[in-house]
Amino acid sequence: MKRICIYPSDVEAITGKSKKTAQTLVRTIKDVYQKKKHQVVTIREFCDYMGLEYDDVFNEINKKRTA
């Protein structure tokens, strides 16, 4: 099963930012999308917020390379 949510560790790997900065970014995205503490951030929400291509991020997180 493929993951559709993103965690601070993923944000670290994708953006190259520090752990603390990645945590803050995920918290900011939760605020923007008015999510509760227990709710997760989706890859699509992250990509929309950061202006990144969904397919690239999805494939990186799920380690699936496209031809």
N, C-alpha and C. Protein backbone atom coordinates (compact mmCIF):
# COMPACT_ATOMS: atom_id res chain seq x y z
N MET A 1 0.84 -1.18 0.00
CA MET A 1 0.00 0.00 0.00
C MET A 1 0.88 1.25 0.00
N LYS A 2 0.51 2.20 -0.78
CA LYS A 2 1.28 3.44 -0.91
C LYS A 2 0.85 4.45 0.16
N ARG A 3 1.82 5.18 0.66
CA ARG A 3 1.53 6.22 1.65
C ARG A 3 1.02 7.47 0.96
N ILE A 4 0.06 8.13 1.58
CA ILE A 4 -0.45 9.40 1.04
C ILE A 4 -0.22 10.55 2.02
N CYS A 5 0.32 10.25 3.19
CA CYS A 5 0.59 11.31 4.16
C CYS A 5 2.10 11.54 4.24
N ILE A 6 2.45 12.71 4.75
CA ILE A 6 3.86 13.10 4.82
C ILE A 6 4.20 13.47 6.26
N TYR A 7 5.39 13.12 6.68
CA TYR A 7 5.86 13.35 8.04
C TYR A 7 7.10 14.24 8.00
N PRO A 8 7.44 14.85 9.14
CA PRO A 8 8.62 15.72 9.16
C PRO A 8 9.89 15.06 8.64
N SER A 9 10.07 13.77 8.88
CA SER A 9 11.27 13.09 8.37
C SER A 9 11.29 13.08 6.84
N ASP A 10 10.11 12.97 6.23
CA ASP A 10 10.02 13.04 4.76
C ASP A 10 10.36 14.44 4.28
N VAL A 11 9.82 15.44 4.99
CA VAL A 11 10.08 16.84 4.64
C VAL A 11 11.57 17.13 4.73
N GLU A 12 12.23 16.59 5.75
CA GLU A 12 13.69 16.75 5.89
C GLU A 12 14.40 16.23 4.64
N ALA A 13 14.05 15.00 4.25
CA ALA A 13 14.72 14.35 3.12
C ALA A 13 14.46 15.08 1.81
N ILE A 14 13.25 15.56 1.62
CA ILE A 14 12.87 16.20 0.36
C ILE A 14 13.45 17.61 0.25
N THR A 15 13.39 18.37 1.33
CA THR A 15 13.81 19.77 1.28
C THR A 15 15.24 20.01 1.73
N GLY A 16 15.81 19.06 2.48
CA GLY A 16 17.15 19.24 3.01
C GLY A 16 17.18 20.14 4.23
N LYS A 17 16.01 20.43 4.78
CA LYS A 17 15.93 21.29 5.96
C LYS A 17 16.19 20.48 7.22
N SER A 18 16.45 21.17 8.32
CA SER A 18 16.71 20.50 9.59
C SER A 18 15.42 19.88 10.15
N LYS A 19 15.59 19.02 11.13
CA LYS A 19 14.45 18.35 11.76
C LYS A 19 13.48 19.38 12.34
N LYS A 20 14.00 20.35 13.07
CA LYS A 20 13.18 21.38 13.70
C LYS A 20 12.42 22.20 12.66
N THR A 21 13.10 22.58 11.61
CA THR A 21 12.46 23.36 10.54
C THR A 21 11.38 22.54 9.84
N ALA A 22 11.64 21.26 9.62
CA ALA A 22 10.66 20.38 8.99
C ALA A 22 9.43 20.23 9.88
N GLN A 23 9.63 20.11 11.18
CA GLN A 23 8.50 20.01 12.11
C GLN A 23 7.67 21.29 12.08
N THR A 24 8.34 22.42 12.06
CA THR A 24 7.66 23.71 12.02
C THR A 24 6.87 23.85 10.72
N LEU A 25 7.43 23.41 9.62
CA LEU A 25 6.76 23.49 8.32
C LEU A 25 5.50 22.64 8.32
N VAL A 26 5.57 21.42 8.83
CA VAL A 26 4.39 20.55 8.90
C VAL A 26 3.32 21.21 9.79
N ARG A 27 3.73 21.80 10.89
CA ARG A 27 2.79 22.49 11.78
C ARG A 27 2.13 23.67 11.06
N THR A 28 2.91 24.41 10.30
CA THR A 28 2.38 25.54 9.54
C THR A 28 1.35 25.08 8.52
N ILE A 29 1.64 24.00 7.81
CA ILE A 29 0.72 23.46 6.81
C ILE A 29 -0.57 23.01 7.50
N LYS A 30 -0.46 22.39 8.67
CA LYS A 30 -1.66 22.00 9.43
C LYS A 30 -2.50 23.22 9.77
N ASP A 31 -1.85 24.30 10.17
CA ASP A 31 -2.56 25.54 10.48
C ASP A 31 -3.28 26.09 9.26
N VAL A 32 -2.59 26.11 8.13
CA VAL A 32 -3.16 26.63 6.89
C VAL A 32 -4.41 25.85 6.49
N TYR A 33 -4.35 24.52 6.63
CA TYR A 33 -5.47 23.66 6.25
C TYR A 33 -6.43 23.40 7.41
N GLN A 34 -6.24 24.12 8.51
CA GLN A 34 -7.10 24.05 9.69
C GLN A 34 -7.30 22.60 10.16
N LYS A 35 -6.19 21.90 10.29
CA LYS A 35 -6.23 20.52 10.73
C LYS A 35 -6.04 20.46 12.25
N LYS A 36 -6.64 19.45 12.85
CA LYS A 36 -6.48 19.23 14.28
C LYS A 36 -5.15 18.52 14.53
N LYS A 37 -4.74 18.52 15.78
CA LYS A 37 -3.44 17.97 16.16
C LYS A 37 -3.26 16.51 15.71
N HIS A 38 -4.32 15.73 15.80
CA HIS A 38 -4.22 14.30 15.47
C HIS A 38 -4.31 14.01 13.97
N GLN A 39 -4.64 15.02 13.16
CA GLN A 39 -4.78 14.81 11.72
C GLN A 39 -3.43 14.94 11.02
N VAL A 40 -3.27 14.20 9.95
CA VAL A 40 -2.00 14.20 9.21
C VAL A 40 -2.06 15.15 8.01
N VAL A 41 -0.89 15.51 7.51
CA VAL A 41 -0.77 16.31 6.30
C VAL A 41 -0.58 15.35 5.14
N THR A 42 -1.34 15.55 4.08
CA THR A 42 -1.20 14.69 2.91
C THR A 42 -0.07 15.19 2.02
N ILE A 43 0.39 14.31 1.17
CA ILE A 43 1.43 14.68 0.21
C ILE A 43 0.92 15.81 -0.69
N ARG A 44 -0.34 15.72 -1.10
CA ARG A 44 -0.91 16.74 -1.97
C ARG A 44 -0.95 18.11 -1.29
N GLU A 45 -1.34 18.14 -0.01
CA GLU A 45 -1.35 19.41 0.73
C GLU A 45 0.05 20.00 0.82
N PHE A 46 1.02 19.14 1.11
CA PHE A 46 2.41 19.58 1.19
C PHE A 46 2.87 20.15 -0.16
N CYS A 47 2.57 19.44 -1.23
CA CYS A 47 3.00 19.88 -2.57
C CYS A 47 2.32 21.20 -2.96
N ASP A 48 1.03 21.33 -2.67
CA ASP A 48 0.33 22.57 -2.99
C ASP A 48 0.94 23.73 -2.23
N TYR A 49 1.24 23.52 -0.96
CA TYR A 49 1.81 24.57 -0.13
C TYR A 49 3.21 24.96 -0.59
N MET A 50 4.01 23.96 -0.93
CA MET A 50 5.41 24.21 -1.29
C MET A 50 5.62 24.49 -2.78
N GLY A 51 4.59 24.25 -3.61
CA GLY A 51 4.72 24.47 -5.04
C GLY A 51 5.55 23.40 -5.72
N LEU A 52 5.45 22.17 -5.24
CA LEU A 52 6.20 21.05 -5.80
C LEU A 52 5.27 20.14 -6.60
N GLU A 53 5.86 19.38 -7.51
CA GLU A 53 5.09 18.43 -8.32
C GLU A 53 4.69 17.23 -7.47
N TYR A 54 3.40 16.93 -7.45
CA TYR A 54 2.87 15.84 -6.63
C TYR A 54 3.52 14.51 -6.99
N ASP A 55 3.58 14.18 -8.27
CA ASP A 55 4.11 12.87 -8.70
C ASP A 55 5.55 12.67 -8.25
N ASP A 56 6.36 13.71 -8.34
CA ASP A 56 7.76 13.60 -7.93
C ASP A 56 7.87 13.29 -6.44
N VAL A 57 7.13 14.01 -5.62
CA VAL A 57 7.18 13.82 -4.18
C VAL A 57 6.58 12.48 -3.79
N PHE A 58 5.44 12.13 -4.38
CA PHE A 58 4.79 10.85 -4.10
C PHE A 58 5.73 9.69 -4.40
N ASN A 59 6.36 9.74 -5.56
CA ASN A 59 7.28 8.67 -5.95
C ASN A 59 8.50 8.61 -5.04
N GLU A 60 9.01 9.74 -4.63
CA GLU A 60 10.17 9.75 -3.73
C GLU A 60 9.81 9.15 -2.38
N ILE A 61 8.68 9.52 -1.85
CA ILE A 61 8.27 9.00 -0.54
C ILE A 61 8.00 7.50 -0.62
N ASN A 62 7.40 7.09 -1.71
CA ASN A 62 7.06 5.68 -1.88
C ASN A 62 8.14 4.88 -2.61
N LYS A 63 9.25 5.54 -2.91
CA LYS A 63 10.42 4.91 -3.57
C LYS A 63 10.06 4.17 -4.85
N LYS A 64 9.20 4.80 -5.63
CA LYS A 64 8.82 4.23 -6.92
C LYS A 64 9.30 5.17 -8.01
N ARG A 65 10.13 4.71 -8.84
CA ARG A 65 10.66 5.52 -9.93
C ARG A 65 9.81 5.32 -11.19
N THR A 66 9.52 6.42 -11.88
CA THR A 66 8.80 6.32 -13.13
C THR A 66 9.77 6.36 -14.28
N ALA A 67 9.42 5.73 -15.36
CA ALA A 67 10.29 5.68 -16.53
C ALA A 67 10.16 6.91 -17.37
